[in-house]
Amino acid sequence: MSQKNSIIYVAEIDKKLVGFIRCIIKSNEPFFKIKKISKLTDFFVLPTHRRKGIGNKLLSKITLWCKKKKAPDLFLGTLSKSPKSNQMYLDKDFIEFEKAYYQNVT
């Protein structure tokens, strides 16, 4: 599924959804050097299908799409404390560069 500045890729096995990835492209503030940024907003593979290359294939599709859209700076945030999933990002040349904070204000 695709719109002008967003896309979702899905992974299916035997017509069953086993994973998906979603990315959007946003214009950056004019005072920043990077004019367009890609944001990986959703990325999931069923636990029963992890460690089989599905996540790598989905991520490769997204990076190619970002390059075609001339927005090669891809950002993602993760709440995962899983060393395996975080290592996948590092193996794919992502760089850890910031911390995020969360507050429940209810």
N, C-alpha and C. Protein backbone atom coordinates (compact mmCIF):
# COMPACT_ATOMS: atom_id res chain seq x y z
N MET A 1 0.85 -1.17 0.00
CA MET A 1 0.00 0.00 0.00
C MET A 1 0.90 1.23 0.00
N SER A 2 0.57 2.20 -0.83
CA SER A 2 1.44 3.36 -0.96
C SER A 2 0.64 4.62 -1.24
N GLN A 3 1.08 5.71 -0.65
CA GLN A 3 0.63 7.04 -1.00
C GLN A 3 1.87 7.80 -1.42
N LYS A 4 1.72 9.06 -1.74
CA LYS A 4 2.86 9.82 -2.24
C LYS A 4 4.06 9.79 -1.30
N ASN A 5 3.82 10.01 -0.02
CA ASN A 5 4.93 10.10 0.93
C ASN A 5 4.85 9.09 2.07
N SER A 6 4.17 7.99 1.83
CA SER A 6 4.17 6.91 2.83
C SER A 6 3.98 5.58 2.12
N ILE A 7 4.44 4.54 2.78
CA ILE A 7 4.32 3.21 2.18
C ILE A 7 4.27 2.16 3.28
N ILE A 8 3.56 1.09 3.00
CA ILE A 8 3.53 -0.07 3.88
C ILE A 8 3.86 -1.29 3.03
N TYR A 9 4.84 -2.05 3.48
CA TYR A 9 5.14 -3.34 2.87
C TYR A 9 4.70 -4.43 3.85
N VAL A 10 4.17 -5.51 3.31
CA VAL A 10 3.77 -6.62 4.16
C VAL A 10 4.52 -7.88 3.72
N ALA A 11 4.69 -8.77 4.68
CA ALA A 11 5.29 -10.08 4.41
C ALA A 11 4.21 -11.12 4.64
N GLU A 12 4.03 -11.99 3.67
CA GLU A 12 3.04 -13.06 3.77
C GLU A 12 3.69 -14.41 3.52
N ILE A 13 3.22 -15.38 4.24
CA ILE A 13 3.60 -16.77 3.99
C ILE A 13 2.31 -17.57 3.94
N ASP A 14 2.12 -18.28 2.84
CA ASP A 14 0.89 -19.04 2.63
C ASP A 14 -0.36 -18.18 2.82
N LYS A 15 -0.30 -16.96 2.27
CA LYS A 15 -1.41 -16.00 2.33
C LYS A 15 -1.75 -15.54 3.74
N LYS A 16 -0.81 -15.71 4.67
CA LYS A 16 -0.99 -15.27 6.05
C LYS A 16 0.00 -14.14 6.33
N LEU A 17 -0.50 -13.04 6.87
CA LEU A 17 0.34 -11.91 7.20
C LEU A 17 1.27 -12.28 8.36
N VAL A 18 2.58 -12.15 8.13
CA VAL A 18 3.54 -12.49 9.18
C VAL A 18 4.40 -11.29 9.59
N GLY A 19 4.29 -10.20 8.85
CA GLY A 19 5.06 -9.01 9.20
C GLY A 19 4.70 -7.83 8.34
N PHE A 20 5.07 -6.65 8.80
CA PHE A 20 4.84 -5.44 8.01
C PHE A 20 5.81 -4.35 8.46
N ILE A 21 5.95 -3.36 7.60
CA ILE A 21 6.80 -2.21 7.88
C ILE A 21 6.16 -0.99 7.23
N ARG A 22 6.22 0.14 7.91
CA ARG A 22 5.61 1.37 7.40
C ARG A 22 6.60 2.51 7.53
N CYS A 23 6.66 3.34 6.51
CA CYS A 23 7.56 4.48 6.50
C CYS A 23 6.84 5.70 5.94
N ILE A 24 7.17 6.88 6.49
CA ILE A 24 6.64 8.13 5.95
C ILE A 24 7.80 9.07 5.68
N ILE A 25 7.59 9.98 4.76
CA ILE A 25 8.58 11.01 4.46
C ILE A 25 7.96 12.35 4.84
N LYS A 26 8.75 13.13 5.56
CA LYS A 26 8.29 14.44 6.00
C LYS A 26 9.31 15.49 5.59
N SER A 27 8.80 16.68 5.32
CA SER A 27 9.69 17.81 5.09
C SER A 27 10.23 18.26 6.42
N ASN A 28 11.50 18.54 6.44
CA ASN A 28 12.15 18.99 7.66
C ASN A 28 12.02 20.51 7.77
N GLU A 29 12.30 21.05 8.93
CA GLU A 29 12.29 22.50 9.11
C GLU A 29 13.31 23.13 8.17
N PRO A 30 13.00 24.30 7.62
CA PRO A 30 13.89 24.88 6.58
C PRO A 30 15.30 25.21 7.05
N PHE A 31 15.50 25.37 8.34
CA PHE A 31 16.84 25.72 8.82
C PHE A 31 17.75 24.51 9.01
N PHE A 32 17.21 23.29 8.82
CA PHE A 32 18.03 22.10 8.90
C PHE A 32 18.67 21.78 7.55
N LYS A 33 19.86 21.20 7.60
CA LYS A 33 20.58 20.81 6.37
C LYS A 33 19.81 19.73 5.61
N ILE A 34 19.28 18.75 6.35
CA ILE A 34 18.52 17.67 5.73
C ILE A 34 17.10 18.18 5.47
N LYS A 35 16.70 18.22 4.22
CA LYS A 35 15.41 18.81 3.85
C LYS A 35 14.24 17.84 3.96
N LYS A 36 14.49 16.57 3.66
CA LYS A 36 13.44 15.55 3.77
C LYS A 36 13.97 14.41 4.63
N ILE A 37 13.12 13.94 5.53
CA ILE A 37 13.53 12.83 6.37
C ILE A 37 12.52 11.69 6.23
N SER A 38 13.03 10.49 6.30
CA SER A 38 12.19 9.30 6.29
C SER A 38 12.08 8.81 7.72
N LYS A 39 10.86 8.44 8.11
CA LYS A 39 10.64 7.94 9.47
C LYS A 39 10.02 6.55 9.39
N LEU A 40 10.70 5.61 9.97
CA LEU A 40 10.17 4.26 10.09
C LEU A 40 9.23 4.27 11.28
N THR A 41 7.92 4.18 11.00
CA THR A 41 6.93 4.37 12.06
C THR A 41 6.43 3.06 12.65
N ASP A 42 6.40 2.00 11.88
CA ASP A 42 5.92 0.70 12.34
C ASP A 42 6.76 -0.40 11.72
N PHE A 43 7.08 -1.39 12.53
CA PHE A 43 7.88 -2.51 12.04
C PHE A 43 7.61 -3.69 12.96
N PHE A 44 7.06 -4.77 12.40
CA PHE A 44 6.71 -5.91 13.24
C PHE A 44 6.78 -7.20 12.43
N VAL A 45 7.33 -8.22 13.04
CA VAL A 45 7.32 -9.58 12.50
C VAL A 45 6.82 -10.49 13.62
N LEU A 46 5.90 -11.38 13.27
CA LEU A 46 5.37 -12.31 14.28
C LEU A 46 6.52 -13.05 14.96
N PRO A 47 6.43 -13.24 16.28
CA PRO A 47 7.50 -13.95 16.99
C PRO A 47 7.83 -15.32 16.40
N THR A 48 6.83 -16.00 15.87
CA THR A 48 7.06 -17.33 15.28
C THR A 48 7.82 -17.27 13.96
N HIS A 49 7.97 -16.07 13.39
CA HIS A 49 8.64 -15.92 12.10
C HIS A 49 9.89 -15.06 12.18
N ARG A 50 10.33 -14.74 13.37
CA ARG A 50 11.54 -13.93 13.53
C ARG A 50 12.78 -14.80 13.33
N ARG A 51 13.89 -14.12 13.04
CA ARG A 51 15.18 -14.77 12.82
C ARG A 51 15.18 -15.64 11.56
N LYS A 52 14.31 -15.27 10.59
CA LYS A 52 14.23 -16.01 9.33
C LYS A 52 14.49 -15.10 8.13
N GLY A 53 14.95 -13.87 8.38
CA GLY A 53 15.28 -12.95 7.30
C GLY A 53 14.12 -12.07 6.84
N ILE A 54 12.95 -12.24 7.41
CA ILE A 54 11.79 -11.46 6.99
C ILE A 54 11.99 -9.98 7.32
N GLY A 55 12.43 -9.69 8.53
CA GLY A 55 12.68 -8.30 8.93
C GLY A 55 13.73 -7.64 8.06
N ASN A 56 14.79 -8.37 7.75
CA ASN A 56 15.84 -7.83 6.87
C ASN A 56 15.30 -7.50 5.49
N LYS A 57 14.46 -8.37 4.94
CA LYS A 57 13.88 -8.11 3.62
C LYS A 57 12.96 -6.89 3.64
N LEU A 58 12.15 -6.79 4.68
CA LEU A 58 11.26 -5.62 4.79
C LEU A 58 12.06 -4.33 4.91
N LEU A 59 13.08 -4.36 5.74
CA LEU A 59 13.91 -3.18 5.94
C LEU A 59 14.65 -2.80 4.66
N SER A 60 15.10 -3.79 3.90
CA SER A 60 15.77 -3.52 2.62
C SER A 60 14.82 -2.85 1.63
N LYS A 61 13.57 -3.30 1.60
CA LYS A 61 12.57 -2.68 0.71
C LYS A 61 12.35 -1.22 1.07
N ILE A 62 12.28 -0.94 2.38
CA ILE A 62 12.08 0.44 2.82
C ILE A 62 13.27 1.32 2.45
N THR A 63 14.49 0.83 2.66
CA THR A 63 15.65 1.65 2.35
C THR A 63 15.73 1.97 0.85
N LEU A 64 15.38 1.01 0.01
CA LEU A 64 15.34 1.28 -1.43
C LEU A 64 14.28 2.33 -1.77
N TRP A 65 13.12 2.24 -1.15
CA TRP A 65 12.05 3.20 -1.38
C TRP A 65 12.49 4.60 -0.97
N CYS A 66 13.16 4.71 0.18
CA CYS A 66 13.64 6.01 0.65
C CYS A 66 14.64 6.62 -0.32
N LYS A 67 15.52 5.80 -0.86
CA LYS A 67 16.50 6.29 -1.84
C LYS A 67 15.79 6.80 -3.09
N LYS A 68 14.80 6.04 -3.57
CA LYS A 68 14.06 6.46 -4.76
C LYS A 68 13.32 7.78 -4.54
N LYS A 69 12.85 7.99 -3.31
CA LYS A 69 12.11 9.21 -2.98
C LYS A 69 13.05 10.36 -2.63
N LYS A 70 14.35 10.13 -2.74
CA LYS A 70 15.37 11.13 -2.43
C LYS A 70 15.25 11.63 -0.98
N ALA A 71 14.98 10.69 -0.09
CA ALA A 71 14.93 10.96 1.34
C ALA A 71 15.69 9.84 2.06
N PRO A 72 17.01 9.76 1.82
CA PRO A 72 17.78 8.61 2.30
C PRO A 72 18.11 8.63 3.80
N ASP A 73 17.79 9.71 4.49
CA ASP A 73 18.07 9.77 5.93
C ASP A 73 16.90 9.15 6.68
N LEU A 74 17.09 7.92 7.11
CA LEU A 74 16.02 7.11 7.71
C LEU A 74 16.18 7.08 9.23
N PHE A 75 15.13 7.52 9.91
CA PHE A 75 15.12 7.55 11.37
C PHE A 75 14.13 6.54 11.91
N LEU A 76 14.43 5.99 13.07
CA LEU A 76 13.47 5.11 13.75
C LEU A 76 13.67 5.24 15.24
N GLY A 77 12.61 4.97 15.95
CA GLY A 77 12.67 4.91 17.40
C GLY A 77 12.21 3.53 17.81
N THR A 78 12.76 3.02 18.89
CA THR A 78 12.35 1.70 19.33
C THR A 78 12.20 1.68 20.85
N LEU A 79 11.21 0.95 21.29
CA LEU A 79 11.02 0.73 22.72
C LEU A 79 11.55 -0.63 23.13
N SER A 80 12.06 -1.34 22.15
CA SER A 80 12.52 -2.70 22.40
C SER A 80 13.81 -2.71 23.20
N LYS A 81 13.84 -3.58 24.19
CA LYS A 81 15.07 -3.81 24.93
C LYS A 81 15.74 -5.10 24.48
N SER A 82 15.22 -5.65 23.39
CA SER A 82 15.74 -6.90 22.87
C SER A 82 17.09 -6.68 22.20
N PRO A 83 18.14 -7.29 22.71
CA PRO A 83 19.45 -7.14 22.06
C PRO A 83 19.45 -7.62 20.62
N LYS A 84 18.66 -8.65 20.31
CA LYS A 84 18.64 -9.18 18.94
C LYS A 84 18.04 -8.19 17.96
N SER A 85 16.91 -7.58 18.31
CA SER A 85 16.29 -6.65 17.37
C SER A 85 17.12 -5.37 17.27
N ASN A 86 17.65 -4.90 18.38
CA ASN A 86 18.48 -3.70 18.31
C ASN A 86 19.77 -3.95 17.54
N GLN A 87 20.31 -5.16 17.63
CA GLN A 87 21.51 -5.49 16.89
C GLN A 87 21.23 -5.50 15.38
N MET A 88 20.01 -5.89 15.00
CA MET A 88 19.67 -5.88 13.58
C MET A 88 19.82 -4.47 13.00
N TYR A 89 19.38 -3.47 13.75
CA TYR A 89 19.51 -2.09 13.25
C TYR A 89 20.97 -1.70 13.11
N LEU A 90 21.79 -2.07 14.08
CA LEU A 90 23.21 -1.76 14.00
C LEU A 90 23.86 -2.50 12.83
N ASP A 91 23.45 -3.75 12.61
CA ASP A 91 23.98 -4.53 11.48
C ASP A 91 23.60 -3.92 10.14
N LYS A 92 22.49 -3.17 10.12
CA LYS A 92 22.02 -2.52 8.89
C LYS A 92 22.52 -1.07 8.80
N ASP A 93 23.58 -0.76 9.55
CA ASP A 93 24.26 0.53 9.50
C ASP A 93 23.49 1.69 10.12
N PHE A 94 22.51 1.40 10.97
CA PHE A 94 21.89 2.47 11.75
C PHE A 94 22.87 2.87 12.85
N ILE A 95 22.78 4.11 13.29
CA ILE A 95 23.64 4.63 14.33
C ILE A 95 22.75 5.08 15.49
N GLU A 96 23.07 4.60 16.68
CA GLU A 96 22.34 5.05 17.86
C GLU A 96 22.83 6.45 18.20
N PHE A 97 21.87 7.42 18.28
CA PHE A 97 22.34 8.77 18.49
C PHE A 97 21.53 9.61 19.47
N GLU A 98 20.42 9.13 19.95
CA GLU A 98 19.68 9.95 20.90
C GLU A 98 18.89 9.09 21.87
N LYS A 99 18.45 9.70 22.93
CA LYS A 99 17.61 9.03 23.89
C LYS A 99 16.21 9.63 23.79
N ALA A 100 15.23 8.86 24.16
CA ALA A 100 13.86 9.34 24.16
C ALA A 100 13.32 9.25 25.59
N TYR A 101 12.37 10.11 25.89
CA TYR A 101 11.77 10.13 27.21
C TYR A 101 10.26 10.00 27.07
N TYR A 102 9.64 9.45 28.08
CA TYR A 102 8.20 9.19 28.06
C TYR A 102 7.60 9.60 29.39
N GLN A 103 6.41 10.16 29.35
CA GLN A 103 5.69 10.50 30.58
C GLN A 103 4.21 10.24 30.37
N ASN A 104 3.59 9.58 31.31
CA ASN A 104 2.14 9.38 31.30
C ASN A 104 1.55 10.51 32.12
N VAL A 105 0.77 11.38 31.49
CA VAL A 105 0.26 12.57 32.16
C VAL A 105 -1.19 12.46 32.61
N THR A 106 -1.68 11.22 32.72
CA THR A 106 -3.07 11.07 33.18
C THR A 106 -3.20 11.24 34.66
